[in-house]
Amino acid sequence: MRIYPEVPALRTRAVVADLLLLALLVVFAWLGMKVNNTVDDIASLGRGVQDAGNSVRDGFTQAGDTLGNVPLVGGDLSGALRDAGQATGGNAVAAGRQGELAIEELAQLLGWLTFLIPSALLLVAALPRRIRKVRQINVAAQVLRADSEEARRLLAMRAAFALPFGTLLSYTRDPFGDLQAGNYDALLRAVYEDCGLRAPTGKPMAGAGFEPA
């Protein structure tokens, strides 16, 4: 199975196009990671809230431990301060944690979307055409057979009557004159290379099969 054309110029063009496609996918992946990391940095706000909540809760707890030694009311004061610390600092810690998780999930979502959306659009635009080109090359390799003089004449006629004049003139100055005179080499080269294949060289021997190079 042929993945790339046999004609050097066409093969180079196809390879460059594939490398450019891969490079763009890498760029989109890098952008996705960049967006993920940038948005994830906002999660530091949630971590800051958690730190502040922990500090408040620890302060109330320490105060409660200190007042716990006061006779008669020490136990009640200590419990009240611990409860107050949990109600204020504990809630702040929980809220900060929830905010941090939400931002991290958002960062991942935005990162994936940044990568997937342009990548999908690029692949939808490029892959069908690339697959079609590969299929055309392989079908042409099976169909084009210059294994007899009559087959050469028919392929030369196909080149002379179907290819654009600009394409023909890059191979021969007089395509129809060559066709009439039986000079098929230039026309065969044009029709083969138009399909991305190297043209066969030489004329077929009588009774022998002739495979394209």
N, C-alpha and C. Protein backbone atom coordinates (compact mmCIF):
# COMPACT_ATOMS: atom_id res chain seq x y z
N MET A 1 0.84 -1.20 0.00
CA MET A 1 0.00 0.00 0.00
C MET A 1 0.88 1.25 0.00
N ARG A 2 0.60 2.15 -0.90
CA ARG A 2 1.36 3.39 -1.02
C ARG A 2 0.73 4.47 -0.14
N ILE A 3 1.55 5.05 0.73
CA ILE A 3 1.08 6.14 1.59
C ILE A 3 1.41 7.49 0.97
N TYR A 4 2.54 7.54 0.27
CA TYR A 4 2.98 8.79 -0.34
C TYR A 4 3.17 8.59 -1.84
N PRO A 5 3.04 9.66 -2.61
CA PRO A 5 3.28 9.57 -4.06
C PRO A 5 4.71 9.15 -4.35
N GLU A 6 4.90 8.55 -5.52
CA GLU A 6 6.25 8.16 -5.94
C GLU A 6 7.00 9.31 -6.58
N VAL A 7 6.27 10.30 -7.06
CA VAL A 7 6.90 11.47 -7.68
C VAL A 7 7.55 12.30 -6.58
N PRO A 8 8.85 12.58 -6.67
CA PRO A 8 9.56 13.26 -5.57
C PRO A 8 8.92 14.56 -5.12
N ALA A 9 8.53 15.42 -6.06
CA ALA A 9 7.96 16.72 -5.68
C ALA A 9 6.64 16.53 -4.93
N LEU A 10 5.81 15.62 -5.44
CA LEU A 10 4.52 15.37 -4.77
C LEU A 10 4.73 14.70 -3.42
N ARG A 11 5.71 13.79 -3.35
CA ARG A 11 5.99 13.12 -2.08
C ARG A 11 6.47 14.13 -1.04
N THR A 12 7.36 15.03 -1.44
CA THR A 12 7.84 16.05 -0.51
C THR A 12 6.70 16.92 -0.02
N ARG A 13 5.82 17.30 -0.94
CA ARG A 13 4.68 18.13 -0.56
C ARG A 13 3.78 17.41 0.44
N ALA A 14 3.53 16.11 0.21
CA ALA A 14 2.67 15.34 1.10
C ALA A 14 3.31 15.17 2.48
N VAL A 15 4.62 14.90 2.50
CA VAL A 15 5.32 14.74 3.78
C VAL A 15 5.29 16.04 4.57
N VAL A 16 5.55 17.15 3.90
CA VAL A 16 5.52 18.45 4.58
C VAL A 16 4.13 18.74 5.13
N ALA A 17 3.09 18.41 4.35
CA ALA A 17 1.72 18.63 4.82
C ALA A 17 1.42 17.79 6.05
N ASP A 18 1.88 16.53 6.07
CA ASP A 18 1.66 15.67 7.23
C ASP A 18 2.41 16.19 8.45
N LEU A 19 3.65 16.64 8.24
CA LEU A 19 4.42 17.17 9.36
C LEU A 19 3.79 18.46 9.91
N LEU A 20 3.26 19.27 9.01
CA LEU A 20 2.59 20.49 9.45
C LEU A 20 1.34 20.14 10.26
N LEU A 21 0.61 19.12 9.83
CA LEU A 21 -0.57 18.68 10.57
C LEU A 21 -0.18 18.23 11.97
N LEU A 22 0.87 17.41 12.08
CA LEU A 22 1.32 16.96 13.39
C LEU A 22 1.80 18.13 14.24
N ALA A 23 2.50 19.08 13.62
CA ALA A 23 2.98 20.24 14.37
C ALA A 23 1.81 21.06 14.93
N LEU A 24 0.76 21.21 14.14
CA LEU A 24 -0.40 21.96 14.62
C LEU A 24 -1.08 21.23 15.77
N LEU A 25 -1.14 19.91 15.70
CA LEU A 25 -1.73 19.15 16.81
C LEU A 25 -0.90 19.32 18.08
N VAL A 26 0.42 19.34 17.93
CA VAL A 26 1.29 19.57 19.09
C VAL A 26 1.07 20.97 19.66
N VAL A 27 0.93 21.95 18.78
CA VAL A 27 0.67 23.33 19.24
C VAL A 27 -0.65 23.40 19.99
N PHE A 28 -1.69 22.75 19.46
CA PHE A 28 -2.99 22.77 20.13
C PHE A 28 -2.90 22.08 21.49
N ALA A 29 -2.12 20.98 21.57
CA ALA A 29 -1.94 20.31 22.86
C ALA A 29 -1.21 21.22 23.85
N TRP A 30 -0.19 21.93 23.35
CA TRP A 30 0.53 22.87 24.23
C TRP A 30 -0.39 23.98 24.71
N LEU A 31 -1.22 24.51 23.81
CA LEU A 31 -2.16 25.56 24.21
C LEU A 31 -3.15 25.05 25.24
N GLY A 32 -3.61 23.80 25.06
CA GLY A 32 -4.53 23.22 26.04
C GLY A 32 -3.89 23.12 27.41
N MET A 33 -2.63 22.67 27.46
CA MET A 33 -1.93 22.59 28.74
C MET A 33 -1.72 23.98 29.34
N LYS A 34 -1.41 24.96 28.46
CA LYS A 34 -1.20 26.32 28.94
C LYS A 34 -2.47 26.88 29.56
N VAL A 35 -3.60 26.68 28.90
CA VAL A 35 -4.88 27.15 29.44
C VAL A 35 -5.19 26.44 30.76
N ASN A 36 -4.95 25.13 30.79
CA ASN A 36 -5.21 24.37 32.02
C ASN A 36 -4.37 24.92 33.18
N ASN A 37 -3.09 25.14 32.94
CA ASN A 37 -2.22 25.62 34.01
C ASN A 37 -2.56 27.04 34.45
N THR A 38 -2.93 27.89 33.45
CA THR A 38 -3.27 29.28 33.79
C THR A 38 -4.52 29.35 34.65
N VAL A 39 -5.54 28.62 34.24
CA VAL A 39 -6.79 28.63 35.02
C VAL A 39 -6.58 27.95 36.36
N ASP A 40 -5.76 26.90 36.37
CA ASP A 40 -5.52 26.17 37.62
C ASP A 40 -4.82 27.06 38.65
N ASP A 41 -4.06 28.06 38.18
CA ASP A 41 -3.41 28.97 39.11
C ASP A 41 -4.43 29.74 39.96
N ILE A 42 -5.63 29.93 39.41
CA ILE A 42 -6.67 30.63 40.18
C ILE A 42 -7.07 29.82 41.39
N ALA A 43 -6.83 28.49 41.34
CA ALA A 43 -7.17 27.65 42.49
C ALA A 43 -6.40 28.04 43.73
N SER A 44 -5.34 28.82 43.58
CA SER A 44 -4.59 29.29 44.75
C SER A 44 -5.46 30.16 45.66
N LEU A 45 -6.47 30.79 45.07
CA LEU A 45 -7.41 31.57 45.91
C LEU A 45 -8.14 30.66 46.88
N GLY A 46 -8.58 29.50 46.36
CA GLY A 46 -9.25 28.55 47.24
C GLY A 46 -8.32 28.03 48.32
N ARG A 47 -7.06 27.77 47.94
CA ARG A 47 -6.10 27.30 48.94
C ARG A 47 -5.82 28.39 49.97
N GLY A 48 -5.83 29.67 49.52
CA GLY A 48 -5.66 30.77 50.46
C GLY A 48 -6.81 30.84 51.46
N VAL A 49 -8.03 30.62 50.96
CA VAL A 49 -9.19 30.61 51.86
C VAL A 49 -9.08 29.48 52.86
N GLN A 50 -8.60 28.32 52.38
CA GLN A 50 -8.43 27.19 53.31
C GLN A 50 -7.39 27.51 54.38
N ASP A 51 -6.30 28.11 53.99
CA ASP A 51 -5.26 28.47 54.97
C ASP A 51 -5.80 29.46 56.00
N ALA A 52 -6.56 30.44 55.50
CA ALA A 52 -7.14 31.42 56.43
C ALA A 52 -8.12 30.75 57.38
N GLY A 53 -8.94 29.83 56.83
CA GLY A 53 -9.89 29.12 57.67
C GLY A 53 -9.21 28.26 58.72
N ASN A 54 -8.14 27.60 58.30
CA ASN A 54 -7.38 26.79 59.26
C ASN A 54 -6.78 27.66 60.36
N SER A 55 -6.29 28.83 59.97
CA SER A 55 -5.70 29.73 60.97
C SER A 55 -6.75 30.18 61.97
N VAL A 56 -7.93 30.55 61.45
CA VAL A 56 -9.01 30.99 62.37
C VAL A 56 -9.42 29.86 63.29
N ARG A 57 -9.58 28.66 62.73
CA ARG A 57 -10.00 27.52 63.54
C ARG A 57 -8.95 27.17 64.59
N ASP A 58 -7.68 27.21 64.15
CA ASP A 58 -6.61 26.92 65.12
C ASP A 58 -6.55 27.97 66.22
N GLY A 59 -6.79 29.24 65.85
CA GLY A 59 -6.78 30.31 66.86
C GLY A 59 -7.87 30.10 67.90
N PHE A 60 -9.09 29.79 67.45
CA PHE A 60 -10.18 29.53 68.40
C PHE A 60 -9.87 28.30 69.25
N THR A 61 -9.27 27.28 68.63
CA THR A 61 -8.97 26.06 69.38
C THR A 61 -7.92 26.34 70.45
N GLN A 62 -6.90 27.10 70.10
CA GLN A 62 -5.87 27.44 71.09
C GLN A 62 -6.45 28.28 72.23
N ALA A 63 -7.31 29.21 71.83
CA ALA A 63 -7.95 30.03 72.88
C ALA A 63 -8.81 29.17 73.79
N GLY A 64 -9.50 28.22 73.19
CA GLY A 64 -10.33 27.33 74.00
C GLY A 64 -9.49 26.48 74.93
N ASP A 65 -8.34 26.02 74.42
CA ASP A 65 -7.46 25.22 75.27
C ASP A 65 -6.95 26.06 76.44
N THR A 66 -6.65 27.31 76.16
CA THR A 66 -6.15 28.20 77.23
C THR A 66 -7.22 28.46 78.28
N LEU A 67 -8.43 28.72 77.83
CA LEU A 67 -9.52 29.03 78.77
C LEU A 67 -10.10 27.78 79.42
N GLY A 68 -9.71 26.63 78.91
CA GLY A 68 -10.24 25.41 79.51
C GLY A 68 -9.79 25.20 80.94
N ASN A 69 -8.74 25.84 81.33
CA ASN A 69 -8.23 25.69 82.70
C ASN A 69 -8.91 26.64 83.68
N VAL A 70 -9.76 27.54 83.20
CA VAL A 70 -10.45 28.47 84.10
C VAL A 70 -11.47 27.69 84.93
N PRO A 71 -11.48 27.88 86.25
CA PRO A 71 -12.42 27.14 87.09
C PRO A 71 -13.88 27.45 86.74
N LEU A 72 -14.71 26.48 86.89
CA LEU A 72 -16.15 26.56 86.72
C LEU A 72 -16.58 26.74 85.26
N VAL A 73 -16.18 27.81 84.64
CA VAL A 73 -16.68 28.12 83.29
C VAL A 73 -15.68 27.74 82.20
N GLY A 74 -14.52 27.21 82.58
CA GLY A 74 -13.49 26.92 81.59
C GLY A 74 -13.95 25.93 80.53
N GLY A 75 -14.65 24.88 80.99
CA GLY A 75 -15.09 23.86 80.03
C GLY A 75 -16.09 24.42 79.04
N ASP A 76 -17.04 25.22 79.56
CA ASP A 76 -18.05 25.79 78.66
C ASP A 76 -17.41 26.76 77.67
N LEU A 77 -16.50 27.61 78.19
CA LEU A 77 -15.84 28.56 77.29
C LEU A 77 -15.01 27.85 76.24
N SER A 78 -14.29 26.82 76.65
CA SER A 78 -13.46 26.07 75.69
C SER A 78 -14.32 25.44 74.60
N GLY A 79 -15.43 24.82 75.01
CA GLY A 79 -16.33 24.20 74.01
C GLY A 79 -16.93 25.24 73.08
N ALA A 80 -17.31 26.39 73.66
CA ALA A 80 -17.92 27.43 72.83
C ALA A 80 -16.93 27.96 71.80
N LEU A 81 -15.68 28.15 72.24
CA LEU A 81 -14.67 28.66 71.30
C LEU A 81 -14.35 27.64 70.21
N ARG A 82 -14.30 26.36 70.60
CA ARG A 82 -14.04 25.34 69.57
C ARG A 82 -15.19 25.30 68.56
N ASP A 83 -16.41 25.39 69.07
CA ASP A 83 -17.57 25.41 68.17
C ASP A 83 -17.54 26.63 67.26
N ALA A 84 -17.16 27.77 67.83
CA ALA A 84 -17.08 28.98 67.02
C ALA A 84 -16.00 28.85 65.96
N GLY A 85 -14.87 28.26 66.36
CA GLY A 85 -13.80 28.05 65.38
C GLY A 85 -14.22 27.13 64.25
N GLN A 86 -14.96 26.06 64.61
CA GLN A 86 -15.42 25.14 63.56
C GLN A 86 -16.45 25.80 62.67
N ALA A 87 -17.32 26.64 63.27
CA ALA A 87 -18.38 27.29 62.50
C ALA A 87 -17.82 28.33 61.55
N THR A 88 -16.75 28.98 61.94
CA THR A 88 -16.17 30.02 61.08
C THR A 88 -15.04 29.46 60.23
N GLY A 89 -13.95 29.06 60.90
CA GLY A 89 -12.81 28.55 60.16
C GLY A 89 -13.10 27.27 59.41
N GLY A 90 -13.85 26.35 60.02
CA GLY A 90 -14.17 25.08 59.37
C GLY A 90 -14.99 25.28 58.11
N ASN A 91 -15.97 26.16 58.19
CA ASN A 91 -16.78 26.44 57.00
C ASN A 91 -15.94 27.10 55.91
N ALA A 92 -15.02 27.95 56.32
CA ALA A 92 -14.15 28.60 55.34
C ALA A 92 -13.25 27.57 54.65
N VAL A 93 -12.75 26.62 55.43
CA VAL A 93 -11.92 25.57 54.84
C VAL A 93 -12.72 24.75 53.84
N ALA A 94 -13.94 24.37 54.21
CA ALA A 94 -14.78 23.58 53.31
C ALA A 94 -15.11 24.36 52.03
N ALA A 95 -15.44 25.64 52.20
CA ALA A 95 -15.75 26.46 51.03
C ALA A 95 -14.53 26.63 50.13
N GLY A 96 -13.35 26.82 50.76
CA GLY A 96 -12.13 26.96 49.98
C GLY A 96 -11.80 25.69 49.21
N ARG A 97 -12.02 24.56 49.86
CA ARG A 97 -11.75 23.28 49.20
C ARG A 97 -12.69 23.06 48.03
N GLN A 98 -13.96 23.37 48.21
CA GLN A 98 -14.92 23.23 47.12
C GLN A 98 -14.57 24.15 45.96
N GLY A 99 -14.17 25.39 46.30
CA GLY A 99 -13.77 26.33 45.25
C GLY A 99 -12.54 25.85 44.50
N GLU A 100 -11.57 25.28 45.23
CA GLU A 100 -10.36 24.76 44.59
C GLU A 100 -10.68 23.62 43.64
N LEU A 101 -11.53 22.69 44.07
CA LEU A 101 -11.90 21.56 43.21
C LEU A 101 -12.66 22.04 41.97
N ALA A 102 -13.55 23.01 42.16
CA ALA A 102 -14.32 23.52 41.02
C ALA A 102 -13.41 24.18 39.99
N ILE A 103 -12.44 24.94 40.47
CA ILE A 103 -11.51 25.62 39.54
C ILE A 103 -10.64 24.60 38.82
N GLU A 104 -10.19 23.56 39.54
CA GLU A 104 -9.38 22.53 38.90
C GLU A 104 -10.17 21.79 37.82
N GLU A 105 -11.44 21.50 38.08
CA GLU A 105 -12.28 20.84 37.08
C GLU A 105 -12.49 21.76 35.87
N LEU A 106 -12.71 23.05 36.14
CA LEU A 106 -12.88 24.01 35.05
C LEU A 106 -11.60 24.13 34.23
N ALA A 107 -10.46 24.12 34.91
CA ALA A 107 -9.18 24.21 34.20
C ALA A 107 -8.99 23.02 33.26
N GLN A 108 -9.30 21.83 33.74
CA GLN A 108 -9.19 20.64 32.90
C GLN A 108 -10.15 20.70 31.71
N LEU A 109 -11.38 21.13 31.97
CA LEU A 109 -12.37 21.23 30.90
C LEU A 109 -11.93 22.22 29.83
N LEU A 110 -11.50 23.40 30.25
CA LEU A 110 -11.06 24.40 29.28
C LEU A 110 -9.82 23.95 28.53
N GLY A 111 -8.91 23.26 29.22
CA GLY A 111 -7.71 22.76 28.56
C GLY A 111 -8.05 21.74 27.47
N TRP A 112 -8.93 20.79 27.80
CA TRP A 112 -9.33 19.79 26.80
C TRP A 112 -10.07 20.43 25.64
N LEU A 113 -10.96 21.39 25.93
CA LEU A 113 -11.69 22.05 24.84
C LEU A 113 -10.74 22.83 23.94
N THR A 114 -9.74 23.48 24.55
CA THR A 114 -8.77 24.23 23.75
C THR A 114 -8.01 23.31 22.81
N PHE A 115 -7.75 22.08 23.25
CA PHE A 115 -7.05 21.11 22.39
C PHE A 115 -7.99 20.42 21.41
N LEU A 116 -9.14 19.96 21.88
CA LEU A 116 -9.99 19.09 21.07
C LEU A 116 -10.72 19.82 19.96
N ILE A 117 -11.24 21.02 20.24
CA ILE A 117 -12.05 21.70 19.22
C ILE A 117 -11.24 22.04 17.98
N PRO A 118 -10.10 22.77 18.10
CA PRO A 118 -9.34 23.05 16.87
C PRO A 118 -8.74 21.80 16.25
N SER A 119 -8.36 20.81 17.08
CA SER A 119 -7.80 19.58 16.53
C SER A 119 -8.85 18.83 15.71
N ALA A 120 -10.07 18.77 16.23
CA ALA A 120 -11.13 18.08 15.50
C ALA A 120 -11.45 18.80 14.19
N LEU A 121 -11.51 20.12 14.22
CA LEU A 121 -11.76 20.88 12.99
C LEU A 121 -10.64 20.67 11.98
N LEU A 122 -9.40 20.66 12.46
CA LEU A 122 -8.27 20.44 11.57
C LEU A 122 -8.30 19.06 10.94
N LEU A 123 -8.58 18.04 11.76
CA LEU A 123 -8.61 16.67 11.24
C LEU A 123 -9.77 16.46 10.29
N VAL A 124 -10.92 17.05 10.60
CA VAL A 124 -12.07 16.92 9.70
C VAL A 124 -11.77 17.57 8.35
N ALA A 125 -11.02 18.66 8.36
CA ALA A 125 -10.69 19.33 7.11
C ALA A 125 -9.58 18.61 6.34
N ALA A 126 -8.61 18.01 7.06
CA ALA A 126 -7.43 17.46 6.38
C ALA A 126 -7.50 15.96 6.11
N LEU A 127 -8.02 15.18 7.06
CA LEU A 127 -7.95 13.73 6.91
C LEU A 127 -8.71 13.17 5.72
N PRO A 128 -9.97 13.59 5.48
CA PRO A 128 -10.67 13.02 4.31
C PRO A 128 -9.92 13.24 3.00
N ARG A 129 -9.35 14.43 2.83
CA ARG A 129 -8.59 14.70 1.61
C ARG A 129 -7.34 13.84 1.55
N ARG A 130 -6.67 13.68 2.70
CA ARG A 130 -5.45 12.85 2.74
C ARG A 130 -5.80 11.39 2.43
N ILE A 131 -6.85 10.89 3.01
CA ILE A 131 -7.28 9.51 2.76
C ILE A 131 -7.67 9.33 1.30
N ARG A 132 -8.35 10.33 0.75
CA ARG A 132 -8.75 10.26 -0.66
C ARG A 132 -7.53 10.21 -1.57
N LYS A 133 -6.50 10.98 -1.25
CA LYS A 133 -5.27 10.98 -2.05
C LYS A 133 -4.59 9.61 -2.00
N VAL A 134 -4.49 9.04 -0.80
CA VAL A 134 -3.87 7.72 -0.66
C VAL A 134 -4.66 6.68 -1.45
N ARG A 135 -5.97 6.75 -1.36
CA ARG A 135 -6.80 5.80 -2.09
C ARG A 135 -6.63 5.97 -3.60
N GLN A 136 -6.54 7.21 -4.06
CA GLN A 136 -6.37 7.45 -5.49
C GLN A 136 -5.04 6.88 -6.00
N ILE A 137 -3.98 7.07 -5.20
CA ILE A 137 -2.68 6.55 -5.61
C ILE A 137 -2.72 5.03 -5.75
N ASN A 138 -3.32 4.36 -4.77
CA ASN A 138 -3.34 2.90 -4.80
C ASN A 138 -4.27 2.35 -5.87
N VAL A 139 -5.39 3.03 -6.08
CA VAL A 139 -6.29 2.60 -7.16
C VAL A 139 -5.61 2.81 -8.52
N ALA A 140 -4.94 3.95 -8.68
CA ALA A 140 -4.25 4.22 -9.94
C ALA A 140 -3.15 3.19 -10.20
N ALA A 141 -2.45 2.78 -9.13
CA ALA A 141 -1.39 1.78 -9.29
C ALA A 141 -1.95 0.45 -9.78
N GLN A 142 -3.20 0.15 -9.43
CA GLN A 142 -3.82 -1.09 -9.87
C GLN A 142 -4.41 -0.97 -11.27
N VAL A 143 -4.88 0.23 -11.61
CA VAL A 143 -5.61 0.41 -12.87
C VAL A 143 -4.68 0.72 -14.03
N LEU A 144 -3.69 1.58 -13.80
CA LEU A 144 -2.81 2.00 -14.90
C LEU A 144 -1.86 0.88 -15.26
N ARG A 145 -2.05 0.31 -16.42
CA ARG A 145 -1.22 -0.80 -16.90
C ARG A 145 -0.83 -0.53 -18.35
N ALA A 146 0.43 -0.14 -18.54
CA ALA A 146 0.92 0.08 -19.90
C ALA A 146 1.64 -1.19 -20.37
N ASP A 147 0.91 -2.32 -20.38
CA ASP A 147 1.53 -3.61 -20.65
C ASP A 147 1.40 -4.04 -22.11
N SER A 148 0.91 -3.15 -22.94
CA SER A 148 0.85 -3.44 -24.38
C SER A 148 0.86 -2.11 -25.13
N GLU A 149 1.14 -2.17 -26.41
CA GLU A 149 1.15 -0.94 -27.19
C GLU A 149 -0.23 -0.30 -27.23
N GLU A 150 -1.26 -1.12 -27.27
CA GLU A 150 -2.62 -0.58 -27.27
C GLU A 150 -2.94 0.10 -25.95
N ALA A 151 -2.49 -0.50 -24.84
CA ALA A 151 -2.71 0.12 -23.53
C ALA A 151 -1.96 1.44 -23.42
N ARG A 152 -0.74 1.49 -23.97
CA ARG A 152 0.01 2.73 -23.98
C ARG A 152 -0.72 3.81 -24.77
N ARG A 153 -1.27 3.39 -25.91
CA ARG A 153 -2.00 4.36 -26.74
C ARG A 153 -3.23 4.91 -26.00
N LEU A 154 -3.96 4.02 -25.32
CA LEU A 154 -5.16 4.46 -24.60
C LEU A 154 -4.79 5.40 -23.44
N LEU A 155 -3.72 5.08 -22.74
CA LEU A 155 -3.29 5.96 -21.64
C LEU A 155 -2.80 7.29 -22.18
N ALA A 156 -2.11 7.27 -23.32
CA ALA A 156 -1.67 8.52 -23.94
C ALA A 156 -2.87 9.37 -24.36
N MET A 157 -3.91 8.71 -24.87
CA MET A 157 -5.13 9.43 -25.23
C MET A 157 -5.78 10.01 -23.98
N ARG A 158 -5.75 9.25 -22.90
CA ARG A 158 -6.31 9.75 -21.63
C ARG A 158 -5.58 11.01 -21.20
N ALA A 159 -4.27 11.03 -21.33
CA ALA A 159 -3.50 12.21 -20.96
C ALA A 159 -3.82 13.38 -21.89
N ALA A 160 -3.82 13.12 -23.19
CA ALA A 160 -4.00 14.20 -24.17
C ALA A 160 -5.38 14.83 -24.06
N PHE A 161 -6.40 14.03 -23.79
CA PHE A 161 -7.77 14.53 -23.83
C PHE A 161 -8.32 14.95 -22.46
N ALA A 162 -7.67 14.51 -21.37
CA ALA A 162 -8.24 14.77 -20.04
C ALA A 162 -7.41 15.73 -19.20
N LEU A 163 -6.11 15.73 -19.36
CA LEU A 163 -5.28 16.59 -18.51
C LEU A 163 -5.32 18.03 -19.00
N PRO A 164 -5.18 18.99 -18.10
CA PRO A 164 -5.14 20.40 -18.51
C PRO A 164 -3.95 20.67 -19.43
N PHE A 165 -4.13 21.62 -20.35
CA PHE A 165 -3.05 21.94 -21.29
C PHE A 165 -1.80 22.42 -20.56
N GLY A 166 -1.98 23.16 -19.47
CA GLY A 166 -0.81 23.61 -18.71
C GLY A 166 0.01 22.45 -18.19
N THR A 167 -0.67 21.39 -17.76
CA THR A 167 0.04 20.20 -17.31
C THR A 167 0.73 19.50 -18.46
N LEU A 168 0.03 19.35 -19.58
CA LEU A 168 0.60 18.66 -20.74
C LEU A 168 1.84 19.38 -21.27
N LEU A 169 1.77 20.71 -21.33
CA LEU A 169 2.87 21.47 -21.91
C LEU A 169 4.14 21.42 -21.06
N SER A 170 4.01 21.01 -19.80
CA SER A 170 5.20 20.83 -18.98
C SER A 170 5.91 19.51 -19.29
N TYR A 171 5.28 18.66 -20.09
CA TYR A 171 5.88 17.39 -20.49
C TYR A 171 6.24 17.35 -21.98
N THR A 172 5.44 18.00 -22.82
CA THR A 172 5.68 17.98 -24.26
C THR A 172 5.13 19.25 -24.88
N ARG A 173 5.80 19.75 -25.90
CA ARG A 173 5.33 20.96 -26.57
C ARG A 173 4.17 20.66 -27.52
N ASP A 174 4.03 19.42 -27.93
CA ASP A 174 3.00 19.07 -28.92
C ASP A 174 2.33 17.76 -28.51
N PRO A 175 1.44 17.80 -27.51
CA PRO A 175 0.85 16.55 -27.02
C PRO A 175 0.06 15.80 -28.10
N PHE A 176 -0.71 16.52 -28.89
CA PHE A 176 -1.51 15.84 -29.90
C PHE A 176 -0.64 15.34 -31.06
N GLY A 177 0.42 16.08 -31.36
CA GLY A 177 1.36 15.60 -32.36
C GLY A 177 2.05 14.32 -31.91
N ASP A 178 2.43 14.27 -30.62
CA ASP A 178 3.03 13.05 -30.08
C ASP A 178 2.05 11.89 -30.13
N LEU A 179 0.79 12.16 -29.81
CA LEU A 179 -0.22 11.11 -29.84
C LEU A 179 -0.39 10.57 -31.27
N GLN A 180 -0.44 11.47 -32.22
CA GLN A 180 -0.62 11.06 -33.61
C GLN A 180 0.59 10.29 -34.13
N ALA A 181 1.79 10.70 -33.69
CA ALA A 181 3.00 10.06 -34.18
C ALA A 181 3.36 8.79 -33.41
N GLY A 182 2.62 8.50 -32.36
CA GLY A 182 2.93 7.31 -31.56
C GLY A 182 4.04 7.52 -30.57
N ASN A 183 4.39 8.75 -30.27
CA ASN A 183 5.41 9.05 -29.25
C ASN A 183 4.69 9.22 -27.90
N TYR A 184 4.54 8.12 -27.18
CA TYR A 184 3.67 8.12 -26.01
C TYR A 184 4.40 8.39 -24.69
N ASP A 185 5.73 8.39 -24.70
CA ASP A 185 6.45 8.43 -23.42
C ASP A 185 6.11 9.66 -22.59
N ALA A 186 6.12 10.83 -23.20
CA ALA A 186 5.83 12.06 -22.45
C ALA A 186 4.40 12.07 -21.94
N LEU A 187 3.47 11.60 -22.77
CA LEU A 187 2.07 11.56 -22.35
C LEU A 187 1.86 10.55 -21.24
N LEU A 188 2.54 9.41 -21.32
CA LEU A 188 2.43 8.42 -20.25
C LEU A 188 3.00 8.98 -18.95
N ARG A 189 4.12 9.68 -19.06
CA ARG A 189 4.71 10.29 -17.86
C ARG A 189 3.73 11.28 -17.24
N ALA A 190 3.04 12.04 -18.08
CA ALA A 190 2.08 13.02 -17.57
C ALA A 190 0.92 12.35 -16.85
N VAL A 191 0.35 11.29 -17.43
CA VAL A 191 -0.82 10.67 -16.82
C VAL A 191 -0.44 9.91 -15.55
N TYR A 192 0.76 9.27 -15.53
CA TYR A 192 1.19 8.57 -14.32
C TYR A 192 1.50 9.55 -13.20
N GLU A 193 2.26 10.59 -13.51
CA GLU A 193 2.66 11.52 -12.46
C GLU A 193 1.48 12.35 -11.97
N ASP A 194 0.47 12.52 -12.81
CA ASP A 194 -0.75 13.18 -12.35
C ASP A 194 -1.42 12.38 -11.24
N CYS A 195 -1.18 11.07 -11.25
CA CYS A 195 -1.73 10.20 -10.20
C CYS A 195 -0.73 9.95 -9.08
N GLY A 196 0.45 10.59 -9.16
CA GLY A 196 1.45 10.42 -8.12
C GLY A 196 2.35 9.23 -8.30
N LEU A 197 2.36 8.60 -9.49
CA LEU A 197 3.15 7.41 -9.74
C LEU A 197 4.28 7.71 -10.72
N ARG A 198 5.33 6.91 -10.61
CA ARG A 198 6.40 7.00 -11.60
C ARG A 198 5.95 6.29 -12.87
N ALA A 199 6.24 6.91 -14.00
CA ALA A 199 5.85 6.32 -15.28
C ALA A 199 6.77 5.15 -15.61
N PRO A 200 6.24 4.09 -16.24
CA PRO A 200 7.10 2.98 -16.66
C PRO A 200 8.03 3.44 -17.78
N THR A 201 9.19 2.87 -17.81
CA THR A 201 10.18 3.23 -18.83
C THR A 201 10.28 2.11 -19.85
N GLY A 202 10.49 2.50 -21.09
CA GLY A 202 10.65 1.51 -22.15
C GLY A 202 9.32 1.03 -22.66
N LYS A 203 9.36 0.37 -23.80
CA LYS A 203 8.14 -0.17 -24.40
C LYS A 203 7.98 -1.62 -23.97
N PRO A 204 6.72 -2.08 -23.82
CA PRO A 204 6.49 -3.45 -23.38
C PRO A 204 6.93 -4.44 -24.45
N MET A 205 7.43 -5.57 -24.01
CA MET A 205 7.78 -6.64 -24.94
C MET A 205 6.53 -7.42 -25.29
N ALA A 206 6.50 -7.90 -26.47
CA ALA A 206 5.31 -8.64 -26.93
C ALA A 206 5.11 -9.86 -26.04
N GLY A 207 3.86 -10.00 -25.53
CA GLY A 207 3.49 -11.15 -24.73
C GLY A 207 3.95 -11.08 -23.29
N ALA A 208 4.60 -10.01 -22.91
CA ALA A 208 5.10 -9.89 -21.53
C ALA A 208 4.29 -8.88 -20.77
N GLY A 209 4.03 -9.19 -19.48
CA GLY A 209 3.34 -8.21 -18.64
C GLY A 209 4.29 -7.08 -18.30
N PHE A 210 3.69 -5.94 -18.00
CA PHE A 210 4.53 -4.75 -17.74
C PHE A 210 3.96 -4.06 -16.52
N GLU A 211 4.74 -4.05 -15.45
CA GLU A 211 4.29 -3.44 -14.21
C GLU A 211 4.90 -2.07 -14.06
N PRO A 212 4.15 -1.08 -13.55
CA PRO A 212 4.72 0.24 -13.32
C PRO A 212 5.77 0.17 -12.23
N ALA A 213 6.75 1.03 -12.36
CA ALA A 213 7.84 1.02 -11.35
C ALA A 213 7.32 1.51 -10.02
